[in-house]
Amino acid sequence: MHLKRVVVVADDLHARAWIESGIGTLDVAIEYCPTADLAVRLEADPGDLAVVDAGRSPDEVVALAETASAAGSDVRLLLVIEPDGFEHLRMPVRCASDFVARAASAAELAARVRALLWPGEEVAAEDVVRLEDLTLNLATYQAHVHGEPVDFTYLEYALFEFLVTHPNRVYSREVLLSRVWGTDYFGGARTVDVHVRRVRSKLGPEYSRRLETVRNVGYLWRR
């Protein structure tokens, strides 16, 4: 699963902040679009999901989404609606969609976003580890730096994940072999050094220096 792109369409700063609080812990990249550009954005590049602050007039947004879908755009839509805008709500029939009340909790917003982005395989917040622009998805064994996937092998990822989720503590090569490779592995401890070098080269200079070598002991991830 790649990093999902969520297009947030909201001119109101309070609405943006509330949406960010709900989806900021998910494995997504957030992009912003002014309300005035919604029609063009839905047709040209709707991302994996458009979260639209529709206020009290969701019918206008629904019409734009259906027009874009009819033109061949793959639209997924989450409408954010003021409580008094539900009376005449009509959901689009041409695209996957849902709605959430503007007064709902951030947790409910996140749940509805997960259901649209990962139907049947939602990613829980506890499955995502974030450190600035580094993201680890513990459920899918994937890492991203600045939104770009890191091409780890399984063992490179497993080694990196173990160190990142156990920060600021030094682990010997023997312990890492046992915890990552397993007790049935009979190779030499220097294989850890090889994998650490590969992990560092793939992380790039910004994050590779956090993976420190402790002379005559082993390795640690510095948070």
N, C-alpha and C. Protein backbone atom coordinates (compact mmCIF):
# COMPACT_ATOMS: atom_id res chain seq x y z
N MET A 1 0.84 -1.19 0.00
CA MET A 1 0.00 0.00 0.00
C MET A 1 0.88 1.24 0.00
N HIS A 2 0.64 2.16 -0.97
CA HIS A 2 1.43 3.37 -1.04
C HIS A 2 0.85 4.43 -0.12
N LEU A 3 1.63 5.49 0.06
CA LEU A 3 1.16 6.60 0.88
C LEU A 3 -0.01 7.27 0.17
N LYS A 4 -1.16 7.32 0.82
CA LYS A 4 -2.36 7.87 0.21
C LYS A 4 -2.33 9.40 0.22
N ARG A 5 -2.89 10.00 -0.84
CA ARG A 5 -2.96 11.44 -0.97
C ARG A 5 -4.37 11.91 -0.67
N VAL A 6 -4.49 12.78 0.32
CA VAL A 6 -5.79 13.33 0.70
C VAL A 6 -5.81 14.82 0.35
N VAL A 7 -6.75 15.21 -0.50
CA VAL A 7 -6.91 16.60 -0.88
C VAL A 7 -7.94 17.23 0.06
N VAL A 8 -7.53 18.21 0.84
CA VAL A 8 -8.41 18.90 1.77
C VAL A 8 -8.89 20.20 1.11
N VAL A 9 -10.20 20.29 0.95
CA VAL A 9 -10.80 21.47 0.32
C VAL A 9 -11.55 22.23 1.40
N ALA A 10 -10.91 23.25 1.95
CA ALA A 10 -11.50 24.03 3.04
C ALA A 10 -10.80 25.37 3.10
N ASP A 11 -11.57 26.44 2.99
CA ASP A 11 -11.01 27.78 3.07
C ASP A 11 -10.90 28.26 4.52
N ASP A 12 -11.76 27.73 5.39
CA ASP A 12 -11.78 28.13 6.78
C ASP A 12 -10.63 27.48 7.54
N LEU A 13 -9.80 28.27 8.21
CA LEU A 13 -8.63 27.73 8.91
C LEU A 13 -9.02 26.81 10.05
N HIS A 14 -10.14 27.09 10.74
CA HIS A 14 -10.57 26.22 11.83
C HIS A 14 -10.98 24.85 11.28
N ALA A 15 -11.65 24.84 10.13
CA ALA A 15 -12.03 23.57 9.51
C ALA A 15 -10.79 22.79 9.12
N ARG A 16 -9.80 23.47 8.55
CA ARG A 16 -8.55 22.79 8.18
C ARG A 16 -7.88 22.17 9.40
N ALA A 17 -7.81 22.94 10.49
CA ALA A 17 -7.16 22.44 11.70
C ALA A 17 -7.88 21.21 12.24
N TRP A 18 -9.20 21.23 12.20
CA TRP A 18 -9.98 20.08 12.69
C TRP A 18 -9.75 18.86 11.81
N ILE A 19 -9.73 19.06 10.50
CA ILE A 19 -9.48 17.94 9.58
C ILE A 19 -8.08 17.39 9.80
N GLU A 20 -7.10 18.26 9.95
CA GLU A 20 -5.72 17.81 10.21
C GLU A 20 -5.63 17.01 11.50
N SER A 21 -6.36 17.44 12.53
CA SER A 21 -6.32 16.72 13.81
C SER A 21 -6.88 15.31 13.67
N GLY A 22 -7.79 15.12 12.73
CA GLY A 22 -8.38 13.80 12.55
C GLY A 22 -7.55 12.87 11.69
N ILE A 23 -6.91 13.40 10.65
CA ILE A 23 -6.21 12.52 9.71
C ILE A 23 -4.70 12.63 9.79
N GLY A 24 -4.19 13.53 10.64
CA GLY A 24 -2.76 13.74 10.71
C GLY A 24 -1.97 12.53 11.18
N THR A 25 -2.61 11.61 11.90
CA THR A 25 -1.90 10.42 12.37
C THR A 25 -2.01 9.26 11.40
N LEU A 26 -2.78 9.41 10.33
CA LEU A 26 -2.93 8.34 9.35
C LEU A 26 -1.76 8.37 8.36
N ASP A 27 -1.62 7.29 7.63
CA ASP A 27 -0.53 7.17 6.67
C ASP A 27 -0.91 7.87 5.37
N VAL A 28 -1.03 9.19 5.42
CA VAL A 28 -1.48 9.96 4.27
C VAL A 28 -0.61 11.20 4.09
N ALA A 29 -0.59 11.69 2.86
CA ALA A 29 0.00 12.99 2.55
C ALA A 29 -1.14 13.96 2.30
N ILE A 30 -1.13 15.09 3.00
CA ILE A 30 -2.21 16.05 2.91
C ILE A 30 -1.85 17.15 1.91
N GLU A 31 -2.77 17.41 0.98
CA GLU A 31 -2.64 18.51 0.03
C GLU A 31 -3.85 19.43 0.22
N TYR A 32 -3.70 20.69 -0.16
CA TYR A 32 -4.77 21.66 0.04
C TYR A 32 -5.23 22.23 -1.30
N CYS A 33 -6.52 22.52 -1.34
CA CYS A 33 -7.11 23.08 -2.55
C CYS A 33 -8.14 24.13 -2.15
N PRO A 34 -8.10 25.33 -2.72
CA PRO A 34 -9.14 26.32 -2.43
C PRO A 34 -10.50 25.85 -2.93
N THR A 35 -11.54 26.24 -2.25
CA THR A 35 -12.88 25.84 -2.65
C THR A 35 -13.19 26.28 -4.08
N ALA A 36 -12.70 27.42 -4.47
CA ALA A 36 -12.97 27.93 -5.82
C ALA A 36 -12.39 27.04 -6.91
N ASP A 37 -11.36 26.23 -6.58
CA ASP A 37 -10.72 25.37 -7.58
C ASP A 37 -11.20 23.93 -7.52
N LEU A 38 -12.25 23.67 -6.74
CA LEU A 38 -12.69 22.29 -6.51
C LEU A 38 -13.07 21.58 -7.81
N ALA A 39 -13.84 22.21 -8.67
CA ALA A 39 -14.29 21.55 -9.90
C ALA A 39 -13.11 21.11 -10.76
N VAL A 40 -12.15 21.99 -10.93
CA VAL A 40 -10.98 21.65 -11.75
C VAL A 40 -10.17 20.54 -11.09
N ARG A 41 -10.01 20.62 -9.77
CA ARG A 41 -9.19 19.63 -9.05
C ARG A 41 -9.84 18.26 -9.12
N LEU A 42 -11.15 18.16 -8.96
CA LEU A 42 -11.82 16.87 -9.00
C LEU A 42 -11.68 16.21 -10.37
N GLU A 43 -11.66 16.99 -11.42
CA GLU A 43 -11.54 16.43 -12.76
C GLU A 43 -10.09 16.12 -13.12
N ALA A 44 -9.15 16.96 -12.66
CA ALA A 44 -7.76 16.80 -13.07
C ALA A 44 -6.96 15.88 -12.16
N ASP A 45 -7.12 16.04 -10.84
CA ASP A 45 -6.31 15.27 -9.90
C ASP A 45 -6.97 15.26 -8.52
N PRO A 46 -7.94 14.36 -8.31
CA PRO A 46 -8.66 14.34 -7.03
C PRO A 46 -7.91 13.66 -5.90
N GLY A 47 -6.69 13.18 -6.17
CA GLY A 47 -5.98 12.42 -5.15
C GLY A 47 -6.67 11.09 -4.88
N ASP A 48 -6.32 10.46 -3.76
CA ASP A 48 -6.98 9.21 -3.37
C ASP A 48 -8.28 9.48 -2.63
N LEU A 49 -8.41 10.69 -2.06
CA LEU A 49 -9.62 11.08 -1.36
C LEU A 49 -9.68 12.60 -1.28
N ALA A 50 -10.87 13.14 -1.56
CA ALA A 50 -11.09 14.58 -1.37
C ALA A 50 -11.97 14.77 -0.15
N VAL A 51 -11.47 15.49 0.84
CA VAL A 51 -12.24 15.84 2.03
C VAL A 51 -12.68 17.29 1.86
N VAL A 52 -13.98 17.48 1.69
CA VAL A 52 -14.49 18.80 1.31
C VAL A 52 -15.36 19.38 2.40
N ASP A 53 -15.01 20.58 2.84
CA ASP A 53 -15.85 21.31 3.79
C ASP A 53 -17.02 21.89 3.00
N ALA A 54 -18.16 21.17 3.03
CA ALA A 54 -19.31 21.53 2.21
C ALA A 54 -20.29 22.45 2.92
N GLY A 55 -20.09 22.73 4.19
CA GLY A 55 -20.94 23.66 4.92
C GLY A 55 -22.40 23.25 4.95
N ARG A 56 -23.25 24.17 4.56
CA ARG A 56 -24.70 23.91 4.58
C ARG A 56 -25.24 23.62 3.17
N SER A 57 -24.36 23.56 2.18
CA SER A 57 -24.80 23.34 0.79
C SER A 57 -24.04 22.18 0.14
N PRO A 58 -24.16 20.97 0.69
CA PRO A 58 -23.42 19.85 0.13
C PRO A 58 -23.85 19.47 -1.29
N ASP A 59 -25.06 19.88 -1.70
CA ASP A 59 -25.55 19.51 -3.03
C ASP A 59 -24.65 20.06 -4.13
N GLU A 60 -24.05 21.22 -3.92
CA GLU A 60 -23.17 21.80 -4.92
C GLU A 60 -21.92 20.94 -5.10
N VAL A 61 -21.36 20.46 -4.00
CA VAL A 61 -20.17 19.61 -4.06
C VAL A 61 -20.51 18.27 -4.68
N VAL A 62 -21.66 17.71 -4.32
CA VAL A 62 -22.09 16.43 -4.89
C VAL A 62 -22.21 16.54 -6.41
N ALA A 63 -22.79 17.62 -6.90
CA ALA A 63 -22.94 17.81 -8.34
C ALA A 63 -21.58 17.86 -9.03
N LEU A 64 -20.61 18.55 -8.44
CA LEU A 64 -19.27 18.63 -9.02
C LEU A 64 -18.60 17.26 -9.04
N ALA A 65 -18.77 16.50 -7.96
CA ALA A 65 -18.17 15.17 -7.89
C ALA A 65 -18.77 14.24 -8.94
N GLU A 66 -20.07 14.30 -9.13
CA GLU A 66 -20.70 13.44 -10.12
C GLU A 66 -20.30 13.84 -11.54
N THR A 67 -20.15 15.11 -11.80
CA THR A 67 -19.69 15.56 -13.11
C THR A 67 -18.28 15.07 -13.39
N ALA A 68 -17.39 15.17 -12.39
CA ALA A 68 -16.02 14.71 -12.57
C ALA A 68 -15.98 13.20 -12.76
N SER A 69 -16.80 12.46 -12.00
CA SER A 69 -16.84 11.00 -12.13
C SER A 69 -17.34 10.60 -13.51
N ALA A 70 -18.35 11.29 -14.00
CA ALA A 70 -18.91 10.99 -15.32
C ALA A 70 -17.88 11.23 -16.42
N ALA A 71 -16.96 12.18 -16.16
CA ALA A 71 -15.93 12.49 -17.14
C ALA A 71 -14.75 11.54 -17.06
N GLY A 72 -14.80 10.57 -16.13
CA GLY A 72 -13.76 9.56 -16.03
C GLY A 72 -12.80 9.72 -14.87
N SER A 73 -13.01 10.72 -14.02
CA SER A 73 -12.12 10.92 -12.88
C SER A 73 -12.48 9.95 -11.75
N ASP A 74 -11.47 9.38 -11.12
CA ASP A 74 -11.67 8.42 -10.02
C ASP A 74 -11.79 9.19 -8.70
N VAL A 75 -13.01 9.59 -8.38
CA VAL A 75 -13.24 10.45 -7.21
C VAL A 75 -13.70 9.62 -6.02
N ARG A 76 -13.06 9.87 -4.87
CA ARG A 76 -13.55 9.40 -3.58
C ARG A 76 -13.78 10.65 -2.74
N LEU A 77 -14.93 10.72 -2.10
CA LEU A 77 -15.36 11.99 -1.51
C LEU A 77 -15.84 11.81 -0.09
N LEU A 78 -15.33 12.67 0.80
CA LEU A 78 -15.87 12.75 2.16
C LEU A 78 -16.37 14.17 2.36
N LEU A 79 -17.68 14.29 2.59
CA LEU A 79 -18.30 15.58 2.80
C LEU A 79 -18.29 15.94 4.28
N VAL A 80 -17.81 17.12 4.60
CA VAL A 80 -17.90 17.65 5.96
C VAL A 80 -19.05 18.65 5.95
N ILE A 81 -20.10 18.36 6.74
CA ILE A 81 -21.35 19.11 6.63
C ILE A 81 -21.73 19.70 7.98
N GLU A 82 -22.22 20.93 7.95
CA GLU A 82 -22.79 21.53 9.14
C GLU A 82 -24.05 20.75 9.54
N PRO A 83 -24.30 20.58 10.85
CA PRO A 83 -25.45 19.77 11.29
C PRO A 83 -26.77 20.17 10.65
N ASP A 84 -26.97 21.46 10.37
CA ASP A 84 -28.25 21.86 9.78
C ASP A 84 -28.25 21.74 8.25
N GLY A 85 -27.24 21.06 7.70
CA GLY A 85 -27.20 20.85 6.26
C GLY A 85 -27.62 19.45 5.84
N PHE A 86 -28.07 18.64 6.81
CA PHE A 86 -28.43 17.26 6.50
C PHE A 86 -29.83 17.09 5.90
N GLU A 87 -30.67 18.06 6.08
CA GLU A 87 -32.08 17.89 5.71
C GLU A 87 -32.26 17.49 4.25
N HIS A 88 -31.51 18.11 3.38
CA HIS A 88 -31.68 17.83 1.96
C HIS A 88 -30.44 17.15 1.36
N LEU A 89 -29.69 16.43 2.20
CA LEU A 89 -28.46 15.79 1.74
C LEU A 89 -28.76 14.66 0.76
N ARG A 90 -28.07 14.68 -0.37
CA ARG A 90 -28.13 13.60 -1.35
C ARG A 90 -26.71 13.20 -1.68
N MET A 91 -26.38 11.94 -1.47
CA MET A 91 -25.03 11.49 -1.72
C MET A 91 -24.84 11.16 -3.20
N PRO A 92 -23.62 11.32 -3.73
CA PRO A 92 -23.37 11.00 -5.13
C PRO A 92 -23.51 9.51 -5.39
N VAL A 93 -23.96 9.16 -6.59
CA VAL A 93 -24.16 7.75 -6.95
C VAL A 93 -23.04 7.22 -7.83
N ARG A 94 -22.21 8.10 -8.37
CA ARG A 94 -21.17 7.68 -9.31
C ARG A 94 -19.82 7.44 -8.65
N CYS A 95 -19.66 7.79 -7.38
CA CYS A 95 -18.35 7.64 -6.75
C CYS A 95 -18.51 7.20 -5.30
N ALA A 96 -17.45 6.60 -4.76
CA ALA A 96 -17.43 6.21 -3.35
C ALA A 96 -17.46 7.46 -2.50
N SER A 97 -18.32 7.48 -1.50
CA SER A 97 -18.46 8.71 -0.71
C SER A 97 -18.99 8.41 0.69
N ASP A 98 -18.85 9.39 1.55
CA ASP A 98 -19.39 9.33 2.90
C ASP A 98 -19.50 10.77 3.39
N PHE A 99 -20.06 10.95 4.58
CA PHE A 99 -20.19 12.28 5.14
C PHE A 99 -19.93 12.22 6.64
N VAL A 100 -19.59 13.39 7.19
CA VAL A 100 -19.37 13.50 8.62
C VAL A 100 -19.82 14.89 9.05
N ALA A 101 -20.42 14.96 10.21
CA ALA A 101 -20.89 16.25 10.72
C ALA A 101 -19.71 17.09 11.17
N ARG A 102 -19.79 18.37 10.95
CA ARG A 102 -18.73 19.28 11.36
C ARG A 102 -18.50 19.24 12.87
N ALA A 103 -19.52 18.82 13.64
CA ALA A 103 -19.40 18.76 15.09
C ALA A 103 -18.88 17.42 15.59
N ALA A 104 -18.56 16.51 14.68
CA ALA A 104 -18.11 15.18 15.08
C ALA A 104 -16.71 15.24 15.69
N SER A 105 -16.33 14.16 16.35
CA SER A 105 -15.00 14.09 16.94
C SER A 105 -13.96 13.83 15.85
N ALA A 106 -12.71 14.16 16.15
CA ALA A 106 -11.62 13.89 15.22
C ALA A 106 -11.47 12.39 15.00
N ALA A 107 -11.78 11.58 16.02
CA ALA A 107 -11.68 10.13 15.89
C ALA A 107 -12.69 9.60 14.88
N GLU A 108 -13.92 10.16 14.89
CA GLU A 108 -14.92 9.72 13.91
C GLU A 108 -14.48 10.12 12.50
N LEU A 109 -13.96 11.31 12.35
CA LEU A 109 -13.46 11.74 11.05
C LEU A 109 -12.39 10.77 10.54
N ALA A 110 -11.45 10.41 11.40
CA ALA A 110 -10.38 9.49 11.01
C ALA A 110 -10.94 8.14 10.60
N ALA A 111 -11.95 7.65 11.33
CA ALA A 111 -12.55 6.35 11.02
C ALA A 111 -13.21 6.37 9.64
N ARG A 112 -13.87 7.45 9.30
CA ARG A 112 -14.54 7.54 8.00
C ARG A 112 -13.52 7.67 6.87
N VAL A 113 -12.43 8.37 7.12
CA VAL A 113 -11.37 8.46 6.13
C VAL A 113 -10.73 7.09 5.90
N ARG A 114 -10.46 6.36 6.97
CA ARG A 114 -9.88 5.03 6.83
C ARG A 114 -10.78 4.11 6.03
N ALA A 115 -12.09 4.18 6.29
CA ALA A 115 -13.03 3.31 5.60
C ALA A 115 -13.06 3.59 4.09
N LEU A 116 -12.87 4.84 3.71
CA LEU A 116 -12.86 5.19 2.28
C LEU A 116 -11.52 4.85 1.61
N LEU A 117 -10.44 5.04 2.33
CA LEU A 117 -9.12 4.81 1.75
C LEU A 117 -8.71 3.35 1.77
N TRP A 118 -9.05 2.66 2.85
CA TRP A 118 -8.63 1.26 3.00
C TRP A 118 -9.84 0.41 3.37
N PRO A 119 -10.82 0.27 2.49
CA PRO A 119 -12.01 -0.51 2.85
C PRO A 119 -11.65 -1.95 3.18
N GLY A 120 -11.99 -2.37 4.39
CA GLY A 120 -11.71 -3.73 4.81
C GLY A 120 -10.32 -3.93 5.36
N GLU A 121 -9.44 -2.94 5.22
CA GLU A 121 -8.06 -3.09 5.73
C GLU A 121 -7.57 -1.78 6.32
N GLU A 122 -8.43 -1.16 7.12
CA GLU A 122 -8.12 0.14 7.69
C GLU A 122 -6.84 0.10 8.51
N VAL A 123 -6.09 1.18 8.44
CA VAL A 123 -4.84 1.31 9.18
C VAL A 123 -5.10 2.08 10.46
N ALA A 124 -4.84 1.45 11.59
CA ALA A 124 -5.05 2.12 12.87
C ALA A 124 -3.90 3.08 13.15
N ALA A 125 -4.20 4.09 13.94
CA ALA A 125 -3.19 5.10 14.25
C ALA A 125 -1.97 4.47 14.92
N GLU A 126 -2.20 3.43 15.73
CA GLU A 126 -1.08 2.82 16.44
C GLU A 126 -0.17 2.02 15.50
N ASP A 127 -0.59 1.80 14.25
CA ASP A 127 0.23 1.09 13.28
C ASP A 127 1.18 2.01 12.53
N VAL A 128 1.10 3.31 12.79
CA VAL A 128 1.91 4.27 12.06
C VAL A 128 2.86 4.98 13.03
N VAL A 129 4.15 4.93 12.73
CA VAL A 129 5.16 5.63 13.52
C VAL A 129 5.67 6.80 12.68
N ARG A 130 5.61 8.00 13.24
CA ARG A 130 6.05 9.20 12.51
C ARG A 130 7.18 9.88 13.28
N LEU A 131 8.18 10.27 12.54
CA LEU A 131 9.28 11.06 13.08
C LEU A 131 9.61 12.12 12.05
N GLU A 132 9.07 13.32 12.26
CA GLU A 132 9.22 14.40 11.29
C GLU A 132 8.70 13.91 9.93
N ASP A 133 9.56 13.83 8.91
CA ASP A 133 9.11 13.40 7.58
C ASP A 133 9.39 11.93 7.31
N LEU A 134 9.65 11.18 8.36
CA LEU A 134 9.83 9.73 8.24
C LEU A 134 8.59 9.03 8.77
N THR A 135 8.06 8.09 7.98
CA THR A 135 6.86 7.35 8.38
C THR A 135 7.12 5.86 8.25
N LEU A 136 6.77 5.13 9.30
CA LEU A 136 6.82 3.67 9.26
C LEU A 136 5.41 3.13 9.44
N ASN A 137 4.97 2.29 8.52
CA ASN A 137 3.67 1.65 8.64
C ASN A 137 3.92 0.22 9.11
N LEU A 138 3.62 -0.03 10.38
CA LEU A 138 3.90 -1.33 10.98
C LEU A 138 2.97 -2.42 10.46
N ALA A 139 1.83 -2.03 9.88
CA ALA A 139 0.88 -3.01 9.37
C ALA A 139 1.24 -3.50 7.98
N THR A 140 1.91 -2.65 7.19
CA THR A 140 2.19 -3.00 5.79
C THR A 140 3.68 -3.15 5.51
N TYR A 141 4.54 -3.00 6.54
CA TYR A 141 5.99 -3.15 6.38
C TYR A 141 6.55 -2.18 5.34
N GLN A 142 6.12 -0.93 5.42
CA GLN A 142 6.57 0.08 4.47
C GLN A 142 7.12 1.29 5.22
N ALA A 143 8.08 1.95 4.57
CA ALA A 143 8.66 3.17 5.11
C ALA A 143 8.63 4.25 4.03
N HIS A 144 8.41 5.49 4.46
CA HIS A 144 8.42 6.63 3.55
C HIS A 144 9.26 7.74 4.15
N VAL A 145 10.02 8.41 3.32
CA VAL A 145 10.77 9.60 3.71
C VAL A 145 10.35 10.73 2.79
N HIS A 146 9.86 11.82 3.37
CA HIS A 146 9.34 12.95 2.60
C HIS A 146 8.27 12.50 1.61
N GLY A 147 7.47 11.51 2.01
CA GLY A 147 6.39 11.04 1.17
C GLY A 147 6.80 10.04 0.11
N GLU A 148 8.09 9.77 -0.02
CA GLU A 148 8.57 8.83 -1.03
C GLU A 148 8.87 7.48 -0.39
N PRO A 149 8.46 6.37 -1.02
CA PRO A 149 8.72 5.05 -0.44
C PRO A 149 10.20 4.72 -0.42
N VAL A 150 10.62 4.05 0.64
CA VAL A 150 12.00 3.57 0.76
C VAL A 150 12.01 2.10 0.37
N ASP A 151 12.88 1.74 -0.56
CA ASP A 151 12.88 0.39 -1.12
C ASP A 151 13.70 -0.56 -0.25
N PHE A 152 13.18 -0.85 0.94
CA PHE A 152 13.83 -1.81 1.83
C PHE A 152 13.48 -3.24 1.43
N THR A 153 14.44 -4.15 1.62
CA THR A 153 14.09 -5.56 1.63
C THR A 153 13.38 -5.86 2.96
N TYR A 154 12.82 -7.07 3.05
CA TYR A 154 12.10 -7.40 4.28
C TYR A 154 13.01 -7.30 5.50
N LEU A 155 14.22 -7.87 5.44
CA LEU A 155 15.10 -7.87 6.60
C LEU A 155 15.63 -6.47 6.90
N GLU A 156 15.89 -5.68 5.87
CA GLU A 156 16.29 -4.29 6.11
C GLU A 156 15.19 -3.54 6.84
N TYR A 157 13.96 -3.72 6.38
CA TYR A 157 12.84 -3.06 7.05
C TYR A 157 12.69 -3.57 8.48
N ALA A 158 12.77 -4.88 8.68
CA ALA A 158 12.58 -5.46 10.01
C ALA A 158 13.63 -4.94 10.99
N LEU A 159 14.88 -4.85 10.53
CA LEU A 159 15.95 -4.31 11.38
C LEU A 159 15.68 -2.85 11.72
N PHE A 160 15.33 -2.07 10.71
CA PHE A 160 15.08 -0.65 10.92
C PHE A 160 13.88 -0.44 11.84
N GLU A 161 12.82 -1.19 11.61
CA GLU A 161 11.62 -1.06 12.45
C GLU A 161 11.95 -1.36 13.91
N PHE A 162 12.71 -2.42 14.15
CA PHE A 162 13.05 -2.78 15.54
C PHE A 162 13.80 -1.64 16.23
N LEU A 163 14.79 -1.07 15.54
CA LEU A 163 15.57 -0.01 16.16
C LEU A 163 14.74 1.26 16.38
N VAL A 164 13.90 1.60 15.40
CA VAL A 164 13.08 2.81 15.52
C VAL A 164 12.06 2.68 16.64
N THR A 165 11.50 1.50 16.81
CA THR A 165 10.49 1.30 17.85
C THR A 165 11.11 0.98 19.21
N HIS A 166 12.43 0.93 19.28
CA HIS A 166 13.15 0.77 20.55
C HIS A 166 14.27 1.81 20.59
N PRO A 167 13.92 3.10 20.60
CA PRO A 167 14.94 4.14 20.44
C PRO A 167 15.78 4.36 21.69
N ASN A 168 16.92 5.00 21.44
CA ASN A 168 17.81 5.48 22.52
C ASN A 168 18.33 4.36 23.40
N ARG A 169 18.43 3.18 22.82
CA ARG A 169 19.00 2.05 23.56
C ARG A 169 19.91 1.27 22.63
N VAL A 170 21.08 0.91 23.12
CA VAL A 170 22.06 0.20 22.31
C VAL A 170 21.76 -1.29 22.31
N TYR A 171 21.80 -1.89 21.09
CA TYR A 171 21.59 -3.34 20.95
C TYR A 171 22.82 -3.94 20.28
N SER A 172 23.31 -5.02 20.85
CA SER A 172 24.46 -5.70 20.27
C SER A 172 24.05 -6.41 18.99
N ARG A 173 25.02 -6.78 18.18
CA ARG A 173 24.75 -7.52 16.95
C ARG A 173 24.06 -8.84 17.26
N GLU A 174 24.49 -9.49 18.33
CA GLU A 174 23.90 -10.78 18.68
C GLU A 174 22.43 -10.65 19.05
N VAL A 175 22.09 -9.59 19.80
CA VAL A 175 20.70 -9.36 20.17
C VAL A 175 19.87 -9.04 18.93
N LEU A 176 20.40 -8.22 18.03
CA LEU A 176 19.67 -7.88 16.81
C LEU A 176 19.45 -9.11 15.94
N LEU A 177 20.45 -9.97 15.86
CA LEU A 177 20.27 -11.22 15.11
C LEU A 177 19.14 -12.04 15.70
N SER A 178 19.11 -12.14 17.02
CA SER A 178 18.06 -12.92 17.68
C SER A 178 16.69 -12.30 17.49
N ARG A 179 16.58 -10.97 17.61
CA ARG A 179 15.29 -10.30 17.57
C ARG A 179 14.76 -10.12 16.14
N VAL A 180 15.66 -9.97 15.17
CA VAL A 180 15.25 -9.70 13.80
C VAL A 180 15.34 -10.94 12.92
N TRP A 181 16.48 -11.61 12.95
CA TRP A 181 16.67 -12.78 12.09
C TRP A 181 16.06 -14.04 12.71
N GLY A 182 15.97 -14.08 14.03
CA GLY A 182 15.39 -15.23 14.70
C GLY A 182 16.43 -16.18 15.24
N THR A 183 16.02 -17.00 16.18
CA THR A 183 16.95 -17.89 16.87
C THR A 183 17.48 -19.01 15.98
N ASP A 184 16.84 -19.24 14.81
CA ASP A 184 17.29 -20.31 13.92
C ASP A 184 18.36 -19.86 12.94
N TYR A 185 18.73 -18.58 12.99
CA TYR A 185 19.73 -18.08 12.04
C TYR A 185 21.12 -18.44 12.53
N PHE A 186 21.95 -19.01 11.63
CA PHE A 186 23.27 -19.47 12.04
C PHE A 186 24.40 -18.69 11.35
N GLY A 187 24.07 -17.60 10.66
CA GLY A 187 25.10 -16.81 10.00
C GLY A 187 25.89 -15.98 10.99
N GLY A 188 26.92 -15.30 10.50
CA GLY A 188 27.76 -14.49 11.35
C GLY A 188 27.10 -13.18 11.73
N ALA A 189 27.54 -12.63 12.85
CA ALA A 189 26.97 -11.38 13.36
C ALA A 189 27.25 -10.20 12.45
N ARG A 190 28.27 -10.31 11.59
CA ARG A 190 28.62 -9.19 10.72
C ARG A 190 27.55 -8.93 9.66
N THR A 191 26.64 -9.86 9.47
CA THR A 191 25.54 -9.59 8.54
C THR A 191 24.71 -8.40 8.99
N VAL A 192 24.70 -8.13 10.31
CA VAL A 192 24.00 -6.96 10.83
C VAL A 192 24.66 -5.69 10.29
N ASP A 193 26.01 -5.67 10.25
CA ASP A 193 26.72 -4.50 9.74
C ASP A 193 26.35 -4.22 8.28
N VAL A 194 26.26 -5.29 7.50
CA VAL A 194 25.92 -5.15 6.09
C VAL A 194 24.53 -4.53 5.93
N HIS A 195 23.58 -5.02 6.72
CA HIS A 195 22.21 -4.52 6.61
C HIS A 195 22.10 -3.08 7.13
N VAL A 196 22.87 -2.76 8.16
CA VAL A 196 22.86 -1.38 8.66
C VAL A 196 23.38 -0.43 7.58
N ARG A 197 24.46 -0.82 6.88
CA ARG A 197 24.99 0.03 5.81
C ARG A 197 23.94 0.23 4.72
N ARG A 198 23.23 -0.83 4.37
CA ARG A 198 22.21 -0.70 3.33
C ARG A 198 21.05 0.19 3.79
N VAL A 199 20.65 0.04 5.04
CA VAL A 199 19.57 0.87 5.57
C VAL A 199 19.98 2.34 5.53
N ARG A 200 21.19 2.63 5.97
CA ARG A 200 21.67 4.02 5.98
C ARG A 200 21.69 4.61 4.57
N SER A 201 22.17 3.83 3.61
CA SER A 201 22.27 4.35 2.24
C SER A 201 20.90 4.66 1.66
N LYS A 202 19.88 3.89 2.06
CA LYS A 202 18.54 4.09 1.52
C LYS A 202 17.79 5.21 2.26
N LEU A 203 18.17 5.47 3.51
CA LEU A 203 17.51 6.53 4.26
C LEU A 203 17.95 7.91 3.80
N GLY A 204 19.19 8.02 3.35
CA GLY A 204 19.72 9.33 3.02
C GLY A 204 20.36 9.99 4.23
N PRO A 205 21.10 11.08 4.02
CA PRO A 205 21.90 11.68 5.11
C PRO A 205 21.08 12.24 6.25
N GLU A 206 19.86 12.73 5.98
CA GLU A 206 19.09 13.37 7.03
C GLU A 206 18.75 12.43 8.17
N TYR A 207 18.41 11.17 7.84
CA TYR A 207 18.00 10.22 8.87
C TYR A 207 19.06 9.15 9.15
N SER A 208 19.98 8.92 8.24
CA SER A 208 20.96 7.86 8.46
C SER A 208 21.85 8.15 9.66
N ARG A 209 22.10 9.44 9.94
CA ARG A 209 22.96 9.74 11.10
C ARG A 209 22.30 9.44 12.43
N ARG A 210 20.98 9.25 12.42
CA ARG A 210 20.30 8.85 13.67
C ARG A 210 20.57 7.38 14.01
N LEU A 211 20.95 6.61 12.99
CA LEU A 211 21.27 5.20 13.23
C LEU A 211 22.76 5.14 13.58
N GLU A 212 23.05 5.16 14.86
CA GLU A 212 24.42 5.33 15.34
C GLU A 212 25.10 3.99 15.62
N THR A 213 26.41 3.99 15.35
CA THR A 213 27.25 2.86 15.73
C THR A 213 27.89 3.15 17.08
N VAL A 214 27.76 2.23 18.01
CA VAL A 214 28.41 2.35 19.32
C VAL A 214 29.59 1.38 19.31
N ARG A 215 30.76 1.91 19.27
CA ARG A 215 31.97 1.12 19.07
C ARG A 215 32.07 -0.04 20.06
N ASN A 216 32.37 -1.21 19.53
CA ASN A 216 32.55 -2.45 20.30
C ASN A 216 31.28 -2.92 21.00
N VAL A 217 30.13 -2.31 20.67
CA VAL A 217 28.88 -2.74 21.31
C VAL A 217 27.85 -3.12 20.25
N GLY A 218 27.37 -2.13 19.50
CA GLY A 218 26.33 -2.43 18.53
C GLY A 218 25.74 -1.17 17.93
N TYR A 219 24.42 -1.09 17.88
CA TYR A 219 23.75 0.02 17.20
C TYR A 219 22.58 0.54 18.02
N LEU A 220 22.25 1.81 17.77
CA LEU A 220 21.06 2.39 18.39
C LEU A 220 20.44 3.39 17.42
N TRP A 221 19.13 3.60 17.59
CA TRP A 221 18.43 4.63 16.86
C TRP A 221 18.21 5.80 17.81
N ARG A 222 18.71 6.97 17.44
CA ARG A 222 18.63 8.15 18.28
C ARG A 222 17.38 8.95 17.91
N ARG A 223 16.43 9.02 18.83
CA ARG A 223 15.21 9.78 18.57
C ARG A 223 15.42 11.24 18.95
